[in-house]
Amino acid sequence: MTTQTQAQSTESTEVTAVYQVTGMTCGHCEGAVAGEISGIAGVTSVQAVAATGQVTVMSQAPLDEEAVRAAVDEAGYELTGQA
């Protein structure tokens, strides 16, 4: 039974994904990308770093990459894939 309890507790663990985004050059860019991705259902945290082009997203469940791509496109940048 202990294994079952542990499995249930790990199901609520957040998922972290890192994406590569091109075109971000400043803090405003980071905010625009993070703001759009934050609007995706289930997203709990977003950190965008213009210097590396990486966006770290924490969510309640794995995200559909096309939803992330659409959010990045809406912000005016390009998602090149997972980092």
N, C-alpha and C. Protein backbone atom coordinates (compact mmCIF):
# COMPACT_ATOMS: atom_id res chain seq x y z
N MET A 1 0.81 -1.19 0.00
CA MET A 1 0.00 0.00 0.00
C MET A 1 0.85 1.26 0.00
N THR A 2 1.98 1.20 0.59
CA THR A 2 2.85 2.36 0.63
C THR A 2 3.22 2.80 -0.79
N THR A 3 3.49 1.87 -1.67
CA THR A 3 3.84 2.20 -3.04
C THR A 3 2.71 2.95 -3.72
N GLN A 4 1.47 2.53 -3.48
CA GLN A 4 0.32 3.21 -4.07
C GLN A 4 0.24 4.66 -3.58
N THR A 5 0.43 4.87 -2.29
CA THR A 5 0.38 6.22 -1.72
C THR A 5 1.47 7.08 -2.33
N GLN A 6 2.67 6.53 -2.48
CA GLN A 6 3.75 7.31 -3.07
C GLN A 6 3.46 7.64 -4.52
N ALA A 7 2.89 6.72 -5.25
CA ALA A 7 2.56 6.97 -6.65
C ALA A 7 1.53 8.08 -6.77
N GLN A 8 0.57 8.10 -5.87
CA GLN A 8 -0.45 9.15 -5.91
C GLN A 8 0.17 10.51 -5.63
N SER A 9 1.11 10.58 -4.70
CA SER A 9 1.71 11.86 -4.36
C SER A 9 2.61 12.37 -5.49
N THR A 10 3.22 11.48 -6.27
CA THR A 10 4.08 11.93 -7.36
C THR A 10 3.26 12.39 -8.56
N GLU A 11 2.00 11.97 -8.66
CA GLU A 11 1.16 12.40 -9.77
C GLU A 11 0.89 13.90 -9.73
N SER A 12 0.94 14.50 -8.56
CA SER A 12 0.67 15.93 -8.45
C SER A 12 1.94 16.76 -8.61
N THR A 13 3.06 16.11 -8.89
CA THR A 13 4.33 16.81 -9.08
C THR A 13 4.28 17.61 -10.38
N GLU A 14 4.82 18.82 -10.32
CA GLU A 14 4.82 19.66 -11.51
C GLU A 14 5.82 19.14 -12.55
N VAL A 15 5.54 19.46 -13.79
CA VAL A 15 6.39 19.09 -14.92
C VAL A 15 7.16 20.34 -15.34
N THR A 16 8.46 20.18 -15.58
CA THR A 16 9.28 21.29 -16.04
C THR A 16 9.75 21.01 -17.46
N ALA A 17 9.59 21.99 -18.33
CA ALA A 17 10.06 21.87 -19.71
C ALA A 17 10.82 23.14 -20.06
N VAL A 18 11.89 22.99 -20.83
CA VAL A 18 12.69 24.13 -21.26
C VAL A 18 12.59 24.22 -22.77
N TYR A 19 12.21 25.41 -23.25
CA TYR A 19 12.05 25.64 -24.68
C TYR A 19 13.07 26.66 -25.16
N GLN A 20 13.43 26.56 -26.43
CA GLN A 20 14.34 27.53 -27.04
C GLN A 20 13.51 28.48 -27.90
N VAL A 21 13.67 29.78 -27.65
CA VAL A 21 12.91 30.81 -28.36
C VAL A 21 13.89 31.79 -28.99
N THR A 22 13.69 32.12 -30.26
CA THR A 22 14.56 33.09 -30.92
C THR A 22 13.86 34.44 -30.99
N GLY A 23 14.69 35.49 -30.97
CA GLY A 23 14.19 36.85 -31.13
C GLY A 23 14.11 37.67 -29.85
N MET A 24 14.23 37.03 -28.69
CA MET A 24 14.17 37.79 -27.43
C MET A 24 15.51 38.51 -27.23
N THR A 25 15.44 39.81 -26.96
CA THR A 25 16.67 40.59 -26.77
C THR A 25 16.70 41.38 -25.47
N CYS A 26 15.57 41.46 -24.75
CA CYS A 26 15.54 42.32 -23.56
C CYS A 26 14.48 41.85 -22.57
N GLY A 27 14.38 42.56 -21.47
CA GLY A 27 13.39 42.24 -20.44
C GLY A 27 11.97 42.34 -20.94
N HIS A 28 11.69 43.29 -21.82
CA HIS A 28 10.35 43.41 -22.39
C HIS A 28 9.99 42.15 -23.17
N CYS A 29 10.95 41.65 -23.94
CA CYS A 29 10.74 40.42 -24.70
C CYS A 29 10.43 39.26 -23.76
N GLU A 30 11.22 39.15 -22.69
CA GLU A 30 11.01 38.08 -21.71
C GLU A 30 9.60 38.16 -21.15
N GLY A 31 9.16 39.37 -20.81
CA GLY A 31 7.83 39.55 -20.23
C GLY A 31 6.72 39.20 -21.21
N ALA A 32 6.91 39.56 -22.47
CA ALA A 32 5.90 39.26 -23.49
C ALA A 32 5.74 37.76 -23.68
N VAL A 33 6.86 37.05 -23.77
CA VAL A 33 6.82 35.59 -23.96
C VAL A 33 6.23 34.92 -22.72
N ALA A 34 6.73 35.32 -21.54
CA ALA A 34 6.24 34.71 -20.30
C ALA A 34 4.75 34.98 -20.10
N GLY A 35 4.31 36.16 -20.45
CA GLY A 35 2.89 36.51 -20.29
C GLY A 35 1.99 35.65 -21.15
N GLU A 36 2.39 35.43 -22.39
CA GLU A 36 1.57 34.61 -23.29
C GLU A 36 1.55 33.15 -22.85
N ILE A 37 2.71 32.61 -22.48
CA ILE A 37 2.77 31.21 -22.06
C ILE A 37 2.01 31.01 -20.75
N SER A 38 2.04 32.01 -19.88
CA SER A 38 1.31 31.91 -18.60
C SER A 38 -0.19 31.71 -18.80
N GLY A 39 -0.70 32.12 -19.95
CA GLY A 39 -2.11 31.99 -20.24
C GLY A 39 -2.54 30.58 -20.63
N ILE A 40 -1.60 29.68 -20.82
CA ILE A 40 -1.94 28.30 -21.17
C ILE A 40 -2.44 27.59 -19.92
N ALA A 41 -3.54 26.89 -20.05
CA ALA A 41 -4.13 26.16 -18.92
C ALA A 41 -3.11 25.19 -18.32
N GLY A 42 -2.99 25.23 -17.00
CA GLY A 42 -2.11 24.32 -16.29
C GLY A 42 -0.73 24.87 -16.00
N VAL A 43 -0.35 25.98 -16.65
CA VAL A 43 0.97 26.57 -16.42
C VAL A 43 1.00 27.23 -15.05
N THR A 44 2.02 26.92 -14.26
CA THR A 44 2.14 27.48 -12.92
C THR A 44 3.28 28.47 -12.79
N SER A 45 4.28 28.39 -13.69
CA SER A 45 5.43 29.28 -13.60
C SER A 45 6.13 29.35 -14.95
N VAL A 46 6.61 30.56 -15.30
CA VAL A 46 7.36 30.74 -16.55
C VAL A 46 8.55 31.64 -16.27
N GLN A 47 9.72 31.24 -16.73
CA GLN A 47 10.90 32.09 -16.63
C GLN A 47 11.55 32.15 -18.00
N ALA A 48 11.59 33.35 -18.59
CA ALA A 48 12.22 33.55 -19.89
C ALA A 48 13.53 34.30 -19.68
N VAL A 49 14.58 33.88 -20.39
CA VAL A 49 15.89 34.52 -20.29
C VAL A 49 16.34 34.90 -21.70
N ALA A 50 16.34 36.19 -21.98
CA ALA A 50 16.69 36.67 -23.32
C ALA A 50 18.12 36.31 -23.69
N ALA A 51 19.05 36.38 -22.75
CA ALA A 51 20.46 36.12 -23.03
C ALA A 51 20.70 34.73 -23.60
N THR A 52 19.94 33.75 -23.13
CA THR A 52 20.12 32.37 -23.61
C THR A 52 19.03 31.95 -24.59
N GLY A 53 17.93 32.69 -24.61
CA GLY A 53 16.79 32.31 -25.45
C GLY A 53 15.99 31.17 -24.87
N GLN A 54 16.27 30.83 -23.61
CA GLN A 54 15.57 29.70 -23.01
C GLN A 54 14.39 30.17 -22.16
N VAL A 55 13.32 29.40 -22.25
CA VAL A 55 12.11 29.65 -21.47
C VAL A 55 11.81 28.38 -20.69
N THR A 56 11.82 28.50 -19.37
CA THR A 56 11.53 27.37 -18.49
C THR A 56 10.08 27.47 -18.05
N VAL A 57 9.32 26.42 -18.30
CA VAL A 57 7.90 26.42 -17.99
C VAL A 57 7.59 25.28 -17.02
N MET A 58 6.94 25.61 -15.93
CA MET A 58 6.46 24.59 -14.99
C MET A 58 4.95 24.51 -15.14
N SER A 59 4.45 23.28 -15.19
CA SER A 59 3.02 23.09 -15.38
C SER A 59 2.54 21.88 -14.60
N GLN A 60 1.23 21.78 -14.46
CA GLN A 60 0.63 20.68 -13.71
C GLN A 60 0.70 19.37 -14.47
N ALA A 61 0.83 19.44 -15.78
CA ALA A 61 0.91 18.26 -16.65
C ALA A 61 1.73 18.65 -17.87
N PRO A 62 2.25 17.68 -18.62
CA PRO A 62 3.00 18.02 -19.84
C PRO A 62 2.13 18.87 -20.77
N LEU A 63 2.77 19.86 -21.38
CA LEU A 63 2.05 20.77 -22.28
C LEU A 63 2.16 20.30 -23.72
N ASP A 64 1.16 20.64 -24.50
CA ASP A 64 1.19 20.41 -25.94
C ASP A 64 2.14 21.44 -26.54
N GLU A 65 3.20 20.99 -27.20
CA GLU A 65 4.19 21.92 -27.75
C GLU A 65 3.55 22.90 -28.73
N GLU A 66 2.52 22.49 -29.44
CA GLU A 66 1.86 23.40 -30.38
C GLU A 66 1.16 24.55 -29.64
N ALA A 67 0.66 24.30 -28.43
CA ALA A 67 0.05 25.37 -27.64
C ALA A 67 1.12 26.37 -27.20
N VAL A 68 2.28 25.86 -26.83
CA VAL A 68 3.39 26.74 -26.43
C VAL A 68 3.86 27.53 -27.65
N ARG A 69 3.97 26.85 -28.80
CA ARG A 69 4.39 27.52 -30.03
C ARG A 69 3.42 28.66 -30.40
N ALA A 70 2.13 28.40 -30.28
CA ALA A 70 1.13 29.42 -30.60
C ALA A 70 1.25 30.62 -29.66
N ALA A 71 1.51 30.37 -28.38
CA ALA A 71 1.67 31.45 -27.41
C ALA A 71 2.90 32.28 -27.73
N VAL A 72 4.01 31.62 -28.06
CA VAL A 72 5.24 32.33 -28.41
C VAL A 72 5.03 33.13 -29.70
N ASP A 73 4.36 32.55 -30.68
CA ASP A 73 4.05 33.26 -31.93
C ASP A 73 3.21 34.50 -31.64
N GLU A 74 2.23 34.37 -30.76
CA GLU A 74 1.36 35.49 -30.40
C GLU A 74 2.17 36.64 -29.79
N ALA A 75 3.22 36.29 -29.06
CA ALA A 75 4.09 37.31 -28.46
C ALA A 75 5.02 37.94 -29.49
N GLY A 76 5.12 37.33 -30.67
CA GLY A 76 5.96 37.87 -31.73
C GLY A 76 7.33 37.25 -31.85
N TYR A 77 7.50 36.06 -31.30
CA TYR A 77 8.80 35.39 -31.31
C TYR A 77 8.63 33.99 -31.90
N GLU A 78 9.75 33.25 -32.01
CA GLU A 78 9.68 31.94 -32.64
C GLU A 78 10.19 30.86 -31.70
N LEU A 79 9.37 29.84 -31.50
CA LEU A 79 9.78 28.67 -30.73
C LEU A 79 10.50 27.73 -31.66
N THR A 80 11.75 27.40 -31.33
CA THR A 80 12.49 26.49 -32.19
C THR A 80 12.46 25.06 -31.69
N GLY A 81 11.91 24.84 -30.48
CA GLY A 81 11.78 23.49 -29.95
C GLY A 81 12.19 23.44 -28.49
N GLN A 82 12.23 22.23 -27.96
CA GLN A 82 12.67 22.09 -26.58
C GLN A 82 14.19 22.17 -26.53
N ALA A 83 14.68 22.80 -25.48
CA ALA A 83 16.14 22.98 -25.33
C ALA A 83 16.77 21.72 -24.76
